[in-house]
Protein backbone atom coordinates (compact mmCIF):
# COMPACT_ATOMS: atom_id res chain seq x y z
CA MET A 1 89.78 82.31 -84.81
CA GLY A 2 89.80 80.29 -81.56
CA TYR A 3 93.59 80.26 -81.35
CA ALA A 4 94.17 83.87 -82.46
CA VAL A 5 94.67 85.31 -78.96
CA ALA A 6 97.03 82.53 -77.84
CA LEU A 7 98.98 82.74 -81.09
CA ASP A 8 99.34 86.52 -80.82
CA LYS A 9 100.48 86.22 -77.20
CA SER A 10 103.05 83.58 -78.20
CA TRP A 11 104.49 85.78 -80.95
CA LYS A 12 104.71 88.74 -78.54
CA GLU A 13 106.52 86.64 -75.94
CA LEU A 14 109.01 85.48 -78.56
CA GLU A 15 109.48 89.02 -79.86
CA ALA A 16 110.18 90.29 -76.32
CA LEU A 17 113.05 87.82 -76.02
CA LYS A 18 114.82 89.55 -78.96
CA ALA A 19 116.69 86.38 -79.84
CA GLY A 20 116.45 86.60 -83.62
CA ASP A 21 114.16 86.67 -86.63
CA SER A 22 114.20 83.05 -87.78
CA PHE A 23 114.64 79.65 -86.18
CA LEU A 24 114.48 75.96 -86.99
CA VAL A 25 112.83 73.61 -84.50
CA LYS A 26 112.63 69.83 -84.73
CA PHE A 27 109.34 68.44 -83.48
CA LEU A 28 108.53 64.75 -83.70
CA ALA A 29 109.46 63.63 -87.22
CA ASP A 30 109.34 67.11 -88.73
CA GLU A 31 111.36 70.30 -88.79
CA TYR A 32 109.68 73.68 -88.62
CA SER A 33 110.89 77.04 -89.86
CA ILE A 34 109.83 79.93 -87.64
CA ASP A 35 109.84 83.40 -89.21
CA CYS A 36 109.25 85.99 -86.50
CA LYS A 37 108.88 88.91 -88.92
CA ALA A 38 106.24 87.16 -91.05
CA LYS A 39 104.83 85.41 -87.96
CA THR A 40 104.76 82.02 -89.63
CA VAL A 41 105.54 78.50 -88.48
CA PHE A 42 106.16 76.37 -91.54
CA SER A 43 106.52 72.59 -91.75
CA LEU A 44 109.49 71.77 -93.95
CA SER A 45 108.45 68.17 -94.59
CA CYS A 46 104.85 69.05 -95.49
CA ASN A 47 105.75 72.32 -97.19
CA ALA A 48 102.80 73.97 -95.43
CA ARG A 49 101.98 76.25 -92.52
CA ALA A 50 101.62 74.48 -89.21
CA LYS A 51 98.14 74.29 -87.74
CA ASP A 52 97.59 76.97 -85.13
CA PHE A 53 97.63 74.60 -82.13
CA THR A 54 100.91 73.08 -83.35
CA ALA A 55 102.38 76.53 -83.99
CA ILE A 56 101.48 77.66 -80.45
CA LEU A 57 103.15 74.59 -78.97
CA ILE A 58 106.29 75.14 -81.07
CA LEU A 59 106.44 78.84 -80.15
CA HIS A 60 106.07 78.02 -76.44
CA TYR A 61 108.86 75.47 -76.74
CA LEU A 62 111.08 77.93 -78.62
CA ALA A 63 110.54 80.64 -75.98
CA SER A 64 111.49 78.14 -73.26
CA LYS A 65 114.54 77.04 -75.23
CA ILE A 66 115.72 80.62 -75.70
CA LYS A 67 115.31 81.26 -71.96
CA GLY A 68 117.16 78.01 -71.23
CA LEU A 69 115.58 74.58 -71.00
CA PRO A 70 115.68 72.95 -67.59
CA PRO A 71 117.83 69.82 -67.35
CA GLU A 72 116.00 66.54 -67.69
CA THR A 73 115.28 65.03 -64.28
CA LYS A 74 115.11 61.40 -65.50
CA GLU A 75 112.00 61.16 -63.30
CA TRP A 76 108.86 60.12 -65.19
CA VAL A 77 105.50 61.63 -64.24
CA SER A 78 102.02 60.99 -65.55
CA PHE A 79 99.73 63.71 -66.83
CA LYS A 80 97.74 63.45 -63.59
CA GLU A 81 100.83 64.56 -61.63
CA LEU A 82 101.10 67.88 -63.50
CA SER A 83 99.45 71.03 -62.15
CA SER A 84 95.67 70.57 -62.62
CA GLY A 85 96.44 67.31 -64.42
CA GLU A 86 94.00 65.30 -62.34
CA GLN A 87 91.23 67.72 -63.28
CA TYR A 88 92.01 67.64 -67.00
CA TYR A 89 92.94 63.96 -67.21
CA PRO A 90 89.63 62.82 -68.78
CA ALA A 91 90.21 65.19 -71.72
CA PHE A 92 93.88 64.14 -71.96
CA ARG A 93 92.90 60.47 -71.93
CA LYS A 94 90.42 61.04 -74.73
CA ARG A 95 92.93 63.04 -76.78
CA ALA A 96 96.15 61.09 -76.17
CA ILE A 97 95.58 57.67 -74.59
CA GLU A 98 92.41 56.34 -76.20
CA PRO A 99 93.65 56.87 -79.79
CA ILE A 100 96.68 54.69 -78.99
CA ILE A 101 94.46 51.98 -77.50
CA ARG A 102 92.08 52.13 -80.49
CA LYS A 103 94.94 51.93 -82.97
CA TYR A 104 96.97 49.17 -81.34
CA GLY A 105 94.48 47.45 -79.02
CA ARG A 106 93.08 45.10 -81.66
CA ASN A 107 96.46 43.49 -82.18
CA SER A 108 96.07 40.71 -79.65
CA GLU A 109 99.23 39.00 -80.89
CA GLY A 110 101.37 42.04 -80.19
CA ALA A 111 103.64 42.54 -77.23
CA ASP A 112 103.66 45.07 -74.44
CA ILE A 113 105.62 48.08 -75.67
CA ILE A 114 107.63 50.85 -74.01
CA LEU A 115 108.50 53.52 -76.55
CA PRO A 116 110.83 56.38 -75.56
CA LEU A 117 110.49 59.46 -77.77
CA SER A 118 112.32 62.75 -78.01
CA VAL A 119 109.49 65.00 -79.16
CA PHE A 120 111.55 68.19 -78.96
CA GLU A 121 115.21 68.51 -78.06
CA GLY A 122 115.29 68.12 -74.28
CA VAL A 123 111.66 66.96 -74.05
CA PRO A 124 111.43 63.17 -73.69
CA VAL A 125 108.13 61.30 -73.61
CA LEU A 126 107.61 57.65 -72.75
CA VAL A 127 104.65 55.81 -74.28
CA LYS A 128 103.65 52.54 -72.65
CA PHE A 129 101.21 50.06 -74.16
CA TRP A 130 99.97 46.88 -72.55
CA ARG A 131 98.14 44.39 -74.70
CA GLY A 132 94.92 42.96 -73.40
CA ASP A 133 94.35 39.45 -72.20
CA ASP A 134 91.34 37.34 -71.18
CA GLU A 135 90.91 39.34 -67.99
CA PHE A 136 91.82 42.93 -68.93
CA GLY A 137 91.54 44.98 -72.09
CA PRO A 138 94.50 46.80 -73.65
CA GLU A 139 95.79 49.89 -71.88
CA ALA A 140 98.24 52.70 -72.58
CA ASN A 141 99.87 55.57 -70.76
CA MET A 142 102.09 58.48 -71.62
CA LEU A 143 104.76 59.65 -69.18
CA PHE A 144 106.80 62.83 -69.24
CA ASP A 145 110.12 63.85 -67.77
CA LYS A 146 109.26 65.93 -64.70
CA SER A 147 111.08 68.91 -66.26
CA ILE A 148 108.21 69.30 -68.75
CA ALA A 149 106.31 71.33 -66.14
CA LYS A 150 108.99 74.04 -66.45
CA ILE A 151 108.69 74.09 -70.26
CA PHE A 152 104.96 73.84 -70.93
CA CYS A 153 101.71 74.55 -69.13
CA THR A 154 99.43 71.56 -68.57
CA GLU A 155 97.22 72.49 -71.53
CA ASP A 156 100.28 72.46 -73.80
CA VAL A 157 101.20 69.00 -72.50
CA ALA A 158 97.67 67.81 -73.40
CA VAL A 159 98.12 69.13 -76.95
CA LEU A 160 101.58 67.55 -77.09
CA GLY A 161 100.14 64.20 -75.99
CA GLY A 162 97.50 64.33 -78.70
CA LEU A 163 100.09 65.10 -81.36
CA VAL A 164 102.32 62.27 -80.14
CA ALA A 165 99.38 59.84 -80.25
CA ALA A 166 98.42 60.98 -83.75
CA GLY A 167 101.99 60.43 -84.93
CA LEU A 168 102.29 56.85 -83.67
């Protein structure tokens, strides 16, 4: 019930664009079928409805894509640099950064990693992981092409970060 209002608003925005009744959107390692008449977002790889927070993110992306995605700037920004990002960074860190550190931080033999990802078409994300040493523990960060601020609100970027971290 918590996502009902946001989901309804997302469907209405998409409907107002009058761009069609069905779409396919690639997100991370999955492809989603969007049926505007039935108001469903369906994962083709899982053969199941997308969770509401994932569906909202996909619908917001689709609305931005229909309107015209901004060109990538090739300038990386941290979550803190987004509008209100500094304020919401503790929640973002808990949702997106700490899971990466927990998952990969125990591997003391591993190397520092820079992982570029295309989470949606035209939406690159860069994940950086630094292994710990005797002086400092492991650390991670997630950077976004500056154009993401024209595609998603900061809350959407936090959800996106959490989904990226869960998928690594």
